[in-house]
Amino acid sequence: MSSIDIYLCQHGRTPLNVAGRLRGHLDPELDLVGQAESRELAELLVKLGPTRVISSPLQRSKQTATAIATAAGLSVELDGRFIDRSYGEFDGEPAAEVVAKYGRVGAAPGVEPAAAVVERAKAALVEVAEASQDGPVVVVSHDAVIRNLLKALAPDYTPSELVPQRTGCWNLLRYTDGAWTLIEVGSKDDPIETALAR
């Protein structure tokens, strides 16, 4: 039996997060809090000796991933399949207004279906897990991608346990012989101490 740990991380905070606006394929950089969150995340995860750091191509993820990769002496690998959900014409709109009008964000016209988000991101995650001889591996992505992935990979969890993903947090997924186990959700704690307490 072989297994690999993947730390699936939400990028640091941006001004659009603060404003409650849908980020989608817009490309804001991290704000000062987001930069601090990225440094803190790097300090936590570097202790684990990550072997790869993979990121969505958007700036907010790349900046977060770069902090982790630099601390670990690695380079950031980009994978477009981890890019944020596309909200089409609603990119940049207040999420609450979209929900008020359509009932939920996913019901708005032109929004990328959750199933499509899961299909592309899950394929990338499986590829990463099967191509990585040693772990752990860090993947930096986006709230909508992570939430939908975790719902698909860990159906025993309730949606309320998986949301919201705080900026700068990590989730631990373990891939063992083709099966996924969700070990930890939305943490900002020291992963070593968390493992010892588990």
Protein backbone atom coordinates (compact mmCIF):
# COMPACT_ATOMS: atom_id res chain seq x y z
CA MET A 1 0.00 0.00 0.00
CA SER A 2 1.39 3.39 -0.99
CA SER A 3 0.03 6.79 -0.09
CA ILE A 4 0.86 10.43 -0.66
CA ASP A 5 -0.27 13.51 1.24
CA ILE A 6 -1.46 16.55 -0.67
CA TYR A 7 -1.87 19.86 1.13
CA LEU A 8 -4.58 21.68 -0.81
CA CYS A 9 -4.29 25.36 0.08
CA GLN A 10 -6.50 28.39 -0.36
CA HIS A 11 -4.54 31.42 -1.54
CA GLY A 12 -4.05 34.50 0.64
CA ARG A 13 -6.50 37.39 0.86
CA THR A 14 -7.10 39.90 -1.94
CA PRO A 15 -9.08 43.17 -2.01
CA LEU A 16 -11.89 41.32 -3.81
CA ASN A 17 -12.14 38.83 -0.94
CA VAL A 18 -12.56 41.74 1.46
CA ALA A 19 -15.29 43.27 -0.73
CA GLY A 20 -17.18 39.97 -1.00
CA ARG A 21 -16.88 39.99 -4.78
CA LEU A 22 -16.54 36.95 -7.03
CA ARG A 23 -12.92 36.65 -8.12
CA GLY A 24 -13.23 34.10 -10.90
CA HIS A 25 -10.72 34.71 -13.66
CA LEU A 26 -9.97 38.27 -12.55
CA ASP A 27 -6.35 38.55 -11.46
CA PRO A 28 -5.96 40.71 -8.34
CA GLU A 29 -2.78 40.46 -6.32
CA LEU A 30 -2.67 39.68 -2.62
CA ASP A 31 -3.26 42.54 -0.21
CA LEU A 32 -1.01 43.07 2.83
CA VAL A 33 -3.00 40.58 4.90
CA GLY A 34 -2.81 38.05 2.07
CA GLN A 35 0.95 38.48 1.86
CA ALA A 36 1.22 37.85 5.61
CA GLU A 37 -1.05 34.79 5.31
CA SER A 38 1.20 33.41 2.57
CA ARG A 39 4.31 33.83 4.72
CA GLU A 40 2.57 32.15 7.65
CA LEU A 41 1.41 29.28 5.45
CA ALA A 42 4.95 28.87 4.13
CA GLU A 43 6.36 28.75 7.67
CA LEU A 44 3.90 25.98 8.56
CA LEU A 45 4.25 23.83 5.47
CA VAL A 46 8.02 24.07 4.99
CA LYS A 47 8.38 22.01 8.19
CA LEU A 48 6.85 19.07 6.32
CA GLY A 49 9.54 19.07 3.63
CA PRO A 50 7.29 19.45 0.58
CA THR A 51 8.64 17.92 -2.62
CA ARG A 52 6.50 19.87 -5.11
CA VAL A 53 4.50 23.11 -5.08
CA ILE A 54 1.81 23.41 -7.75
CA SER A 55 -0.40 26.44 -8.35
CA SER A 56 -3.25 27.90 -10.32
CA PRO A 57 -1.85 30.41 -12.83
CA LEU A 58 -3.64 33.40 -11.26
CA GLN A 59 -1.52 35.92 -9.32
CA ARG A 60 -3.17 35.38 -5.95
CA SER A 61 -2.33 31.68 -6.06
CA LYS A 62 1.10 32.12 -7.62
CA GLN A 63 2.12 34.64 -4.95
CA THR A 64 0.97 32.28 -2.20
CA ALA A 65 2.69 29.32 -3.82
CA THR A 66 5.89 31.28 -4.39
CA ALA A 67 6.18 32.03 -0.67
CA ILE A 68 5.90 28.30 0.09
CA ALA A 69 8.19 27.19 -2.73
CA THR A 70 10.87 29.75 -1.85
CA ALA A 71 10.86 28.62 1.78
CA ALA A 72 11.22 25.00 0.64
CA GLY A 73 13.88 25.67 -2.02
CA LEU A 74 11.53 24.63 -4.82
CA SER A 75 10.10 26.13 -8.00
CA VAL A 76 6.38 26.70 -8.54
CA GLU A 77 4.72 24.48 -11.14
CA LEU A 78 1.64 26.00 -12.81
CA ASP A 79 -1.43 23.98 -13.78
CA GLY A 80 -4.36 25.77 -15.42
CA ARG A 81 -6.78 23.07 -14.27
CA PHE A 82 -6.55 24.51 -10.76
CA ILE A 83 -7.71 27.97 -11.92
CA ASP A 84 -10.68 29.55 -10.15
CA ARG A 85 -14.25 28.86 -11.26
CA SER A 86 -15.32 31.12 -14.11
CA TYR A 87 -18.28 33.34 -13.28
CA GLY A 88 -18.44 34.79 -16.79
CA GLU A 89 -20.02 38.24 -16.78
CA PHE A 90 -20.34 38.01 -12.98
CA ASP A 91 -16.59 38.05 -12.34
CA GLY A 92 -16.07 40.94 -9.93
CA GLU A 93 -19.74 41.20 -8.94
CA PRO A 94 -20.81 41.07 -5.27
CA ALA A 95 -21.54 37.42 -4.49
CA ALA A 96 -24.50 38.34 -2.29
CA GLU A 97 -26.18 40.22 -5.15
CA VAL A 98 -25.78 37.25 -7.51
CA VAL A 99 -27.25 34.92 -4.88
CA ALA A 100 -30.12 37.31 -4.20
CA LYS A 101 -31.02 37.41 -7.89
CA TYR A 102 -30.50 33.76 -8.88
CA GLY A 103 -30.81 31.83 -5.60
CA ARG A 104 -27.22 30.62 -5.76
CA VAL A 105 -24.12 31.59 -7.67
CA GLY A 106 -24.12 28.39 -9.72
CA ALA A 107 -27.58 29.18 -11.10
CA ALA A 108 -26.47 32.44 -12.72
CA PRO A 109 -26.17 32.25 -16.52
CA GLY A 110 -22.71 31.61 -17.90
CA VAL A 111 -21.19 30.42 -14.61
CA GLU A 112 -18.92 27.38 -14.99
CA PRO A 113 -20.85 24.33 -13.71
CA ALA A 114 -19.58 22.85 -10.45
CA ALA A 115 -19.28 19.46 -12.18
CA ALA A 116 -16.91 20.94 -14.75
CA VAL A 117 -14.79 22.50 -12.00
CA VAL A 118 -14.57 19.13 -10.26
CA GLU A 119 -13.80 17.24 -13.47
CA ARG A 120 -10.77 19.37 -14.40
CA ALA A 121 -9.42 19.85 -10.88
CA LYS A 122 -9.86 16.19 -9.87
CA ALA A 123 -8.08 15.03 -13.02
CA ALA A 124 -5.18 17.34 -12.18
CA LEU A 125 -5.09 16.22 -8.55
CA VAL A 126 -5.06 12.52 -9.46
CA GLU A 127 -2.30 13.18 -11.98
CA VAL A 128 -0.25 15.00 -9.35
CA ALA A 129 -0.77 12.21 -6.81
CA GLU A 130 0.18 9.44 -9.22
CA ALA A 131 3.18 11.29 -10.68
CA SER A 132 4.69 12.26 -7.33
CA GLN A 133 6.99 9.56 -5.95
CA ASP A 134 7.53 11.30 -2.64
CA GLY A 135 5.42 13.68 -0.64
CA PRO A 136 4.03 15.76 0.66
CA VAL A 137 2.88 17.91 -2.25
CA VAL A 138 1.41 21.40 -1.91
CA VAL A 139 -1.30 22.58 -4.31
CA VAL A 140 -2.52 26.20 -4.15
CA SER A 141 -5.93 26.92 -5.63
CA HIS A 142 -9.18 28.79 -4.98
CA ASP A 143 -12.17 28.59 -2.65
CA ALA A 144 -14.70 27.43 -5.25
CA VAL A 145 -12.31 24.84 -6.65
CA ILE A 146 -11.35 23.48 -3.24
CA ARG A 147 -14.90 23.33 -1.86
CA ASN A 148 -16.24 21.51 -4.90
CA LEU A 149 -13.29 19.12 -4.94
CA LEU A 150 -13.67 18.25 -1.28
CA LYS A 151 -17.41 17.65 -1.68
CA ALA A 152 -16.66 15.26 -4.53
CA LEU A 153 -13.76 13.47 -2.84
CA ALA A 154 -15.17 13.35 0.70
CA PRO A 155 -18.96 12.91 0.39
CA ASP A 156 -19.28 11.97 4.07
CA TYR A 157 -18.59 15.58 5.05
CA THR A 158 -21.50 18.03 5.13
CA PRO A 159 -21.21 21.22 3.06
CA SER A 160 -21.17 23.30 6.25
CA GLU A 161 -18.00 21.49 7.34
CA LEU A 162 -16.28 22.35 4.07
CA VAL A 163 -17.18 26.05 3.83
CA PRO A 164 -16.08 28.66 3.93
CA GLN A 165 -12.45 28.12 3.05
CA ARG A 166 -10.53 30.83 4.87
CA THR A 167 -7.84 32.59 2.91
CA GLY A 168 -4.42 31.16 3.69
CA CYS A 169 -5.70 27.84 5.03
CA TRP A 170 -4.73 24.26 4.20
CA ASN A 171 -6.63 21.00 3.75
CA LEU A 172 -4.96 17.60 3.94
CA LEU A 173 -5.95 14.92 1.42
CA ARG A 174 -4.34 11.48 1.42
CA TYR A 175 -4.26 9.43 -1.77
CA THR A 176 -3.84 5.71 -1.14
CA ASP A 177 -3.99 3.18 -3.97
CA GLY A 178 -6.49 5.24 -5.95
CA ALA A 179 -8.68 6.29 -3.02
CA TRP A 180 -8.92 9.68 -1.34
CA THR A 181 -9.24 10.38 2.39
CA LEU A 182 -9.85 13.87 3.74
CA ILE A 183 -7.76 14.17 6.90
CA GLU A 184 -8.05 17.85 7.81
CA VAL A 185 -10.26 20.72 6.61
CA GLY A 186 -9.62 24.48 6.51
CA SER A 187 -6.81 24.62 9.06
CA LYS A 188 -4.36 27.39 9.85
CA ASP A 189 -2.71 25.41 12.62
CA ASP A 190 0.72 23.78 12.65
CA PRO A 191 0.24 20.59 10.59
CA ILE A 192 2.79 18.66 12.65
CA GLU A 193 1.08 19.50 15.93
CA THR A 194 -2.29 18.75 14.33
CA ALA A 195 -1.06 15.31 13.26
CA LEU A 196 0.25 14.54 16.73
CA ALA A 197 -3.08 15.52 18.30
CA ARG A 198 -5.15 13.52 15.81
